[in-house]
Amino acid sequence: MSGLPKCPKCDSVFTYEDGDNYVCPECGYEWPKDAPAEGGEQQRVYKDAFGNVLADGDSVTVLKDLKVKGSSSVVKVGTKVKNIRLVDGDHDIDCKIDGIGAMQLKTEFVKKA
C-alpha cells in the first residue's frame, strides 16, 4: 500500500486515514496516528520493593507478615514463593503458597529471590 501501518488488531494491510485516525475496514478498529508504531501497547514493568524487575516464573521472598483475609492464617516473613505470575489489577502477583494455597500479593511486599 502507500506506507500506512497494518491494523494492530487483525494485521490487515487495507488501513486508511480518516482525519487524525487510521481505520481498518476489515475489523472496524480505529487508532490515532500518533500511537506508537508496531508493538502498539506499552508493557508494564513490575518491580519488587528494591526496584528489581520481576518476570513470570520468578521466585520471590515475602518481606513482612501478611494476614490472609477471611482466615486466621499469616504468610510469615521470609516465605519463599516460587513460580509467580504477574497480572494487572490491585494485586500484581498470582501465586500458590505451600500450606495456604492460591494467593495474590503486591510487589511492594516482596523481593526477588
N, C-alpha and C. Protein backbone atom coordinates (compact mmCIF):
# COMPACT_ATOMS: atom_id res chain seq x y z
N MET A 1 0.85 -1.18 0.00
CA MET A 1 0.00 0.00 0.00
C MET A 1 0.89 1.24 0.00
N SER A 2 0.42 2.32 0.56
CA SER A 2 1.13 3.60 0.49
C SER A 2 1.88 3.93 1.78
N GLY A 3 2.43 2.93 2.45
CA GLY A 3 3.21 3.18 3.66
C GLY A 3 2.38 3.34 4.92
N LEU A 4 1.10 3.01 4.87
CA LEU A 4 0.27 3.10 6.07
C LEU A 4 0.53 1.86 6.93
N PRO A 5 0.41 2.00 8.26
CA PRO A 5 0.68 0.85 9.13
C PRO A 5 -0.42 -0.21 9.03
N LYS A 6 -0.05 -1.45 9.37
CA LYS A 6 -1.04 -2.53 9.43
C LYS A 6 -1.93 -2.34 10.65
N CYS A 7 -3.10 -2.93 10.60
CA CYS A 7 -4.03 -2.87 11.74
C CYS A 7 -3.43 -3.64 12.92
N PRO A 8 -3.37 -3.02 14.12
CA PRO A 8 -2.81 -3.72 15.28
C PRO A 8 -3.71 -4.84 15.80
N LYS A 9 -4.99 -4.84 15.45
CA LYS A 9 -5.91 -5.88 15.92
C LYS A 9 -5.91 -7.11 15.03
N CYS A 10 -6.09 -6.90 13.71
CA CYS A 10 -6.24 -8.04 12.81
C CYS A 10 -5.12 -8.18 11.79
N ASP A 11 -4.13 -7.28 11.82
CA ASP A 11 -2.96 -7.31 10.95
C ASP A 11 -3.31 -7.09 9.47
N SER A 12 -4.43 -6.45 9.20
CA SER A 12 -4.84 -6.17 7.82
C SER A 12 -3.97 -5.06 7.22
N VAL A 13 -3.70 -5.15 5.93
CA VAL A 13 -2.90 -4.14 5.24
C VAL A 13 -3.79 -3.08 4.58
N PHE A 14 -5.09 -3.21 4.68
CA PHE A 14 -6.02 -2.32 3.98
C PHE A 14 -6.47 -1.14 4.84
N THR A 15 -5.59 -0.59 5.66
CA THR A 15 -5.95 0.54 6.50
C THR A 15 -6.02 1.82 5.67
N TYR A 16 -6.75 2.80 6.19
CA TYR A 16 -6.83 4.10 5.52
C TYR A 16 -6.90 5.20 6.57
N GLU A 17 -6.59 6.41 6.14
CA GLU A 17 -6.59 7.57 7.03
C GLU A 17 -7.99 8.18 7.07
N ASP A 18 -8.39 8.64 8.27
CA ASP A 18 -9.65 9.34 8.44
C ASP A 18 -9.41 10.44 9.47
N GLY A 19 -9.08 11.63 8.99
CA GLY A 19 -8.77 12.74 9.90
C GLY A 19 -7.48 12.46 10.64
N ASP A 20 -7.55 12.43 11.97
CA ASP A 20 -6.37 12.18 12.81
C ASP A 20 -6.23 10.71 13.19
N ASN A 21 -7.00 9.84 12.56
CA ASN A 21 -7.00 8.41 12.90
C ASN A 21 -6.68 7.55 11.69
N TYR A 22 -6.26 6.31 11.98
CA TYR A 22 -6.20 5.25 10.98
C TYR A 22 -7.41 4.36 11.23
N VAL A 23 -7.97 3.78 10.17
CA VAL A 23 -9.14 2.92 10.28
C VAL A 23 -8.89 1.63 9.52
N CYS A 24 -9.32 0.51 10.11
CA CYS A 24 -9.25 -0.78 9.43
C CYS A 24 -10.64 -1.14 8.92
N PRO A 25 -10.82 -1.30 7.61
CA PRO A 25 -12.14 -1.62 7.08
C PRO A 25 -12.56 -3.07 7.35
N GLU A 26 -11.60 -3.94 7.66
CA GLU A 26 -11.94 -5.35 7.87
C GLU A 26 -12.51 -5.61 9.26
N CYS A 27 -11.91 -5.02 10.31
CA CYS A 27 -12.41 -5.28 11.67
C CYS A 27 -13.06 -4.04 12.29
N GLY A 28 -12.92 -2.87 11.64
CA GLY A 28 -13.55 -1.66 12.15
C GLY A 28 -12.76 -0.95 13.24
N TYR A 29 -11.56 -1.41 13.53
CA TYR A 29 -10.75 -0.80 14.59
C TYR A 29 -10.20 0.54 14.14
N GLU A 30 -10.22 1.55 15.04
CA GLU A 30 -9.66 2.86 14.78
C GLU A 30 -8.60 3.16 15.82
N TRP A 31 -7.50 3.79 15.42
CA TRP A 31 -6.46 4.18 16.35
C TRP A 31 -5.84 5.49 15.88
N PRO A 32 -5.32 6.30 16.83
CA PRO A 32 -4.77 7.61 16.46
C PRO A 32 -3.46 7.47 15.68
N LYS A 33 -3.21 8.45 14.82
CA LYS A 33 -1.98 8.45 14.02
C LYS A 33 -0.74 8.56 14.89
N ASP A 34 -0.85 9.25 16.02
CA ASP A 34 0.30 9.45 16.87
C ASP A 34 0.53 8.30 17.85
N ALA A 35 -0.19 7.18 17.69
CA ALA A 35 0.01 6.00 18.54
C ALA A 35 1.36 5.37 18.23
N PRO A 36 1.97 4.69 19.21
CA PRO A 36 3.26 4.06 18.95
C PRO A 36 3.15 3.04 17.81
N ALA A 37 4.15 3.01 16.96
CA ALA A 37 4.15 2.08 15.83
C ALA A 37 4.47 0.67 16.31
N GLU A 38 4.14 -0.30 15.48
CA GLU A 38 4.39 -1.73 15.71
C GLU A 38 4.67 -2.09 17.16
N GLY A 39 3.92 -2.99 17.68
CA GLY A 39 4.07 -3.37 19.08
C GLY A 39 2.99 -2.70 19.91
N GLY A 40 2.43 -1.64 19.37
CA GLY A 40 1.28 -0.96 19.94
C GLY A 40 1.37 -0.62 21.42
N GLU A 41 0.96 -1.53 22.28
CA GLU A 41 0.81 -1.23 23.69
C GLU A 41 2.15 -1.28 24.42
N GLN A 42 2.27 -0.46 25.45
CA GLN A 42 3.46 -0.47 26.29
C GLN A 42 3.31 -1.57 27.32
N GLN A 43 4.37 -2.31 27.55
CA GLN A 43 4.37 -3.36 28.55
C GLN A 43 4.61 -2.73 29.92
N ARG A 44 3.85 -3.14 30.91
CA ARG A 44 4.04 -2.65 32.26
C ARG A 44 5.25 -3.36 32.86
N VAL A 45 6.07 -2.61 33.57
CA VAL A 45 7.25 -3.18 34.21
C VAL A 45 6.92 -3.37 35.69
N TYR A 46 7.05 -4.60 36.18
CA TYR A 46 6.79 -4.92 37.58
C TYR A 46 8.11 -4.95 38.33
N LYS A 47 8.19 -4.21 39.45
CA LYS A 47 9.41 -4.16 40.24
C LYS A 47 9.10 -4.53 41.69
N ASP A 48 10.06 -5.22 42.33
CA ASP A 48 9.89 -5.57 43.73
C ASP A 48 10.16 -4.35 44.62
N ALA A 49 10.17 -4.56 45.93
CA ALA A 49 10.35 -3.45 46.88
C ALA A 49 11.70 -2.76 46.73
N PHE A 50 12.69 -3.44 46.13
CA PHE A 50 14.02 -2.87 45.98
C PHE A 50 14.32 -2.40 44.56
N GLY A 51 13.33 -2.44 43.68
CA GLY A 51 13.50 -1.95 42.33
C GLY A 51 13.98 -2.98 41.32
N ASN A 52 14.08 -4.24 41.73
CA ASN A 52 14.47 -5.30 40.79
C ASN A 52 13.28 -5.65 39.91
N VAL A 53 13.52 -5.82 38.61
CA VAL A 53 12.45 -6.14 37.67
C VAL A 53 12.02 -7.59 37.84
N LEU A 54 10.71 -7.82 37.94
CA LEU A 54 10.16 -9.17 38.08
C LEU A 54 9.61 -9.66 36.76
N ALA A 55 9.61 -10.99 36.57
CA ALA A 55 9.06 -11.61 35.37
C ALA A 55 8.27 -12.85 35.78
N ASP A 56 7.40 -13.32 34.90
CA ASP A 56 6.66 -14.55 35.16
C ASP A 56 7.63 -15.69 35.41
N GLY A 57 7.34 -16.52 36.42
CA GLY A 57 8.18 -17.67 36.72
C GLY A 57 9.27 -17.39 37.74
N ASP A 58 9.46 -16.14 38.13
CA ASP A 58 10.48 -15.80 39.14
C ASP A 58 10.07 -16.34 40.51
N SER A 59 11.04 -16.39 41.40
CA SER A 59 10.79 -16.71 42.81
C SER A 59 10.99 -15.43 43.61
N VAL A 60 10.15 -15.24 44.62
CA VAL A 60 10.24 -14.06 45.47
C VAL A 60 10.17 -14.46 46.93
N THR A 61 10.60 -13.55 47.80
CA THR A 61 10.56 -13.76 49.24
C THR A 61 9.70 -12.66 49.86
N VAL A 62 8.83 -13.04 50.79
CA VAL A 62 7.93 -12.08 51.45
C VAL A 62 8.72 -11.28 52.47
N LEU A 63 8.51 -9.96 52.51
CA LEU A 63 9.27 -9.06 53.37
C LEU A 63 8.63 -8.75 54.72
N LYS A 64 7.34 -9.01 54.88
CA LYS A 64 6.68 -8.75 56.16
C LYS A 64 5.54 -9.73 56.35
N ASP A 65 5.11 -9.92 57.58
CA ASP A 65 3.98 -10.80 57.85
C ASP A 65 2.74 -10.24 57.16
N LEU A 66 2.05 -11.10 56.42
CA LEU A 66 0.84 -10.67 55.71
C LEU A 66 -0.34 -11.50 56.19
N LYS A 67 -1.37 -10.83 56.72
CA LYS A 67 -2.58 -11.53 57.14
C LYS A 67 -3.36 -11.96 55.92
N VAL A 68 -3.95 -13.14 55.99
CA VAL A 68 -4.76 -13.66 54.89
C VAL A 68 -6.22 -13.33 55.19
N LYS A 69 -6.84 -12.56 54.30
CA LYS A 69 -8.23 -12.16 54.51
C LYS A 69 -9.14 -13.38 54.58
N GLY A 70 -10.07 -13.35 55.52
CA GLY A 70 -11.04 -14.43 55.65
C GLY A 70 -10.48 -15.68 56.30
N SER A 71 -9.32 -15.55 56.90
CA SER A 71 -8.67 -16.70 57.53
C SER A 71 -7.84 -16.21 58.70
N SER A 72 -7.47 -17.14 59.57
CA SER A 72 -6.59 -16.78 60.68
C SER A 72 -5.13 -17.03 60.32
N SER A 73 -4.88 -17.43 59.07
CA SER A 73 -3.52 -17.72 58.60
C SER A 73 -2.72 -16.44 58.39
N VAL A 74 -1.40 -16.58 58.47
CA VAL A 74 -0.49 -15.47 58.21
C VAL A 74 0.64 -15.99 57.33
N VAL A 75 1.00 -15.20 56.31
CA VAL A 75 2.17 -15.51 55.50
C VAL A 75 3.34 -14.84 56.21
N LYS A 76 4.27 -15.65 56.70
CA LYS A 76 5.38 -15.16 57.53
C LYS A 76 6.49 -14.51 56.71
N VAL A 77 7.24 -13.63 57.35
CA VAL A 77 8.42 -13.01 56.75
C VAL A 77 9.37 -14.11 56.32
N GLY A 78 9.96 -13.96 55.13
CA GLY A 78 10.94 -14.93 54.65
C GLY A 78 10.34 -16.09 53.88
N THR A 79 9.01 -16.15 53.77
CA THR A 79 8.37 -17.22 53.00
C THR A 79 8.77 -17.07 51.54
N LYS A 80 9.30 -18.16 50.95
CA LYS A 80 9.72 -18.12 49.56
C LYS A 80 8.56 -18.60 48.69
N VAL A 81 8.24 -17.81 47.68
CA VAL A 81 7.16 -18.12 46.76
C VAL A 81 7.78 -18.37 45.39
N LYS A 82 7.53 -19.56 44.84
CA LYS A 82 8.12 -19.94 43.55
C LYS A 82 7.12 -19.78 42.43
N ASN A 83 7.63 -19.59 41.24
CA ASN A 83 6.84 -19.59 40.01
C ASN A 83 5.67 -18.61 40.06
N ILE A 84 5.98 -17.32 40.24
CA ILE A 84 4.93 -16.30 40.30
C ILE A 84 4.39 -16.00 38.90
N ARG A 85 3.19 -15.44 38.86
CA ARG A 85 2.60 -14.99 37.60
C ARG A 85 2.18 -13.54 37.80
N LEU A 86 2.61 -12.66 36.92
CA LEU A 86 2.31 -11.24 37.03
C LEU A 86 0.99 -10.93 36.33
N VAL A 87 0.14 -10.16 36.99
CA VAL A 87 -1.19 -9.82 36.47
C VAL A 87 -1.48 -8.35 36.70
N ASP A 88 -2.42 -7.81 35.95
CA ASP A 88 -2.89 -6.44 36.18
C ASP A 88 -3.99 -6.48 37.22
N GLY A 89 -4.12 -5.42 37.97
CA GLY A 89 -5.16 -5.34 38.98
C GLY A 89 -4.62 -4.69 40.23
N ASP A 90 -5.38 -4.76 41.33
CA ASP A 90 -4.91 -4.14 42.56
C ASP A 90 -3.79 -4.94 43.21
N HIS A 91 -3.70 -6.24 42.95
CA HIS A 91 -2.57 -7.07 43.38
C HIS A 91 -1.83 -7.49 42.12
N ASP A 92 -0.51 -7.48 42.16
CA ASP A 92 0.29 -7.69 40.95
C ASP A 92 0.73 -9.13 40.73
N ILE A 93 0.70 -9.96 41.76
CA ILE A 93 1.25 -11.31 41.67
C ILE A 93 0.20 -12.35 42.02
N ASP A 94 0.04 -13.35 41.16
CA ASP A 94 -0.75 -14.55 41.46
C ASP A 94 0.24 -15.65 41.77
N CYS A 95 -0.02 -16.42 42.84
CA CYS A 95 0.91 -17.48 43.20
C CYS A 95 0.21 -18.50 44.08
N LYS A 96 0.91 -19.60 44.35
CA LYS A 96 0.46 -20.59 45.32
C LYS A 96 1.50 -20.67 46.41
N ILE A 97 1.05 -20.62 47.66
CA ILE A 97 1.95 -20.70 48.79
C ILE A 97 1.67 -22.01 49.52
N ASP A 98 2.73 -22.79 49.74
CA ASP A 98 2.59 -24.07 50.43
C ASP A 98 1.93 -23.88 51.79
N GLY A 99 0.90 -24.68 52.08
CA GLY A 99 0.21 -24.62 53.35
C GLY A 99 -0.92 -23.61 53.39
N ILE A 100 -0.98 -22.73 52.41
CA ILE A 100 -2.05 -21.71 52.39
C ILE A 100 -2.90 -21.83 51.14
N GLY A 101 -2.26 -21.97 49.98
CA GLY A 101 -2.99 -22.11 48.72
C GLY A 101 -2.80 -20.92 47.81
N ALA A 102 -3.77 -20.72 46.92
CA ALA A 102 -3.69 -19.64 45.93
C ALA A 102 -3.79 -18.30 46.63
N MET A 103 -2.91 -17.38 46.23
CA MET A 103 -2.86 -16.06 46.84
C MET A 103 -2.59 -15.01 45.78
N GLN A 104 -2.89 -13.78 46.14
CA GLN A 104 -2.49 -12.63 45.35
C GLN A 104 -1.66 -11.73 46.26
N LEU A 105 -0.52 -11.27 45.74
CA LEU A 105 0.37 -10.42 46.52
C LEU A 105 0.65 -9.13 45.78
N LYS A 106 1.08 -8.13 46.52
CA LYS A 106 1.52 -6.87 45.91
C LYS A 106 3.04 -6.89 45.83
N THR A 107 3.57 -6.31 44.75
CA THR A 107 5.01 -6.32 44.55
C THR A 107 5.77 -5.54 45.63
N GLU A 108 5.11 -4.61 46.29
CA GLU A 108 5.78 -3.80 47.30
C GLU A 108 6.13 -4.59 48.57
N PHE A 109 5.58 -5.81 48.71
CA PHE A 109 5.84 -6.63 49.90
C PHE A 109 6.75 -7.82 49.61
N VAL A 110 7.39 -7.86 48.46
CA VAL A 110 8.25 -8.98 48.11
C VAL A 110 9.60 -8.49 47.58
N LYS A 111 10.60 -9.37 47.63
CA LYS A 111 11.88 -9.10 46.98
C LYS A 111 12.22 -10.31 46.11
N LYS A 112 12.91 -10.05 45.02
CA LYS A 112 13.29 -11.13 44.11
C LYS A 112 14.29 -12.04 44.81
N ALA A 113 14.06 -13.35 44.69
CA ALA A 113 14.94 -14.32 45.37
C ALA A 113 16.11 -14.70 44.50
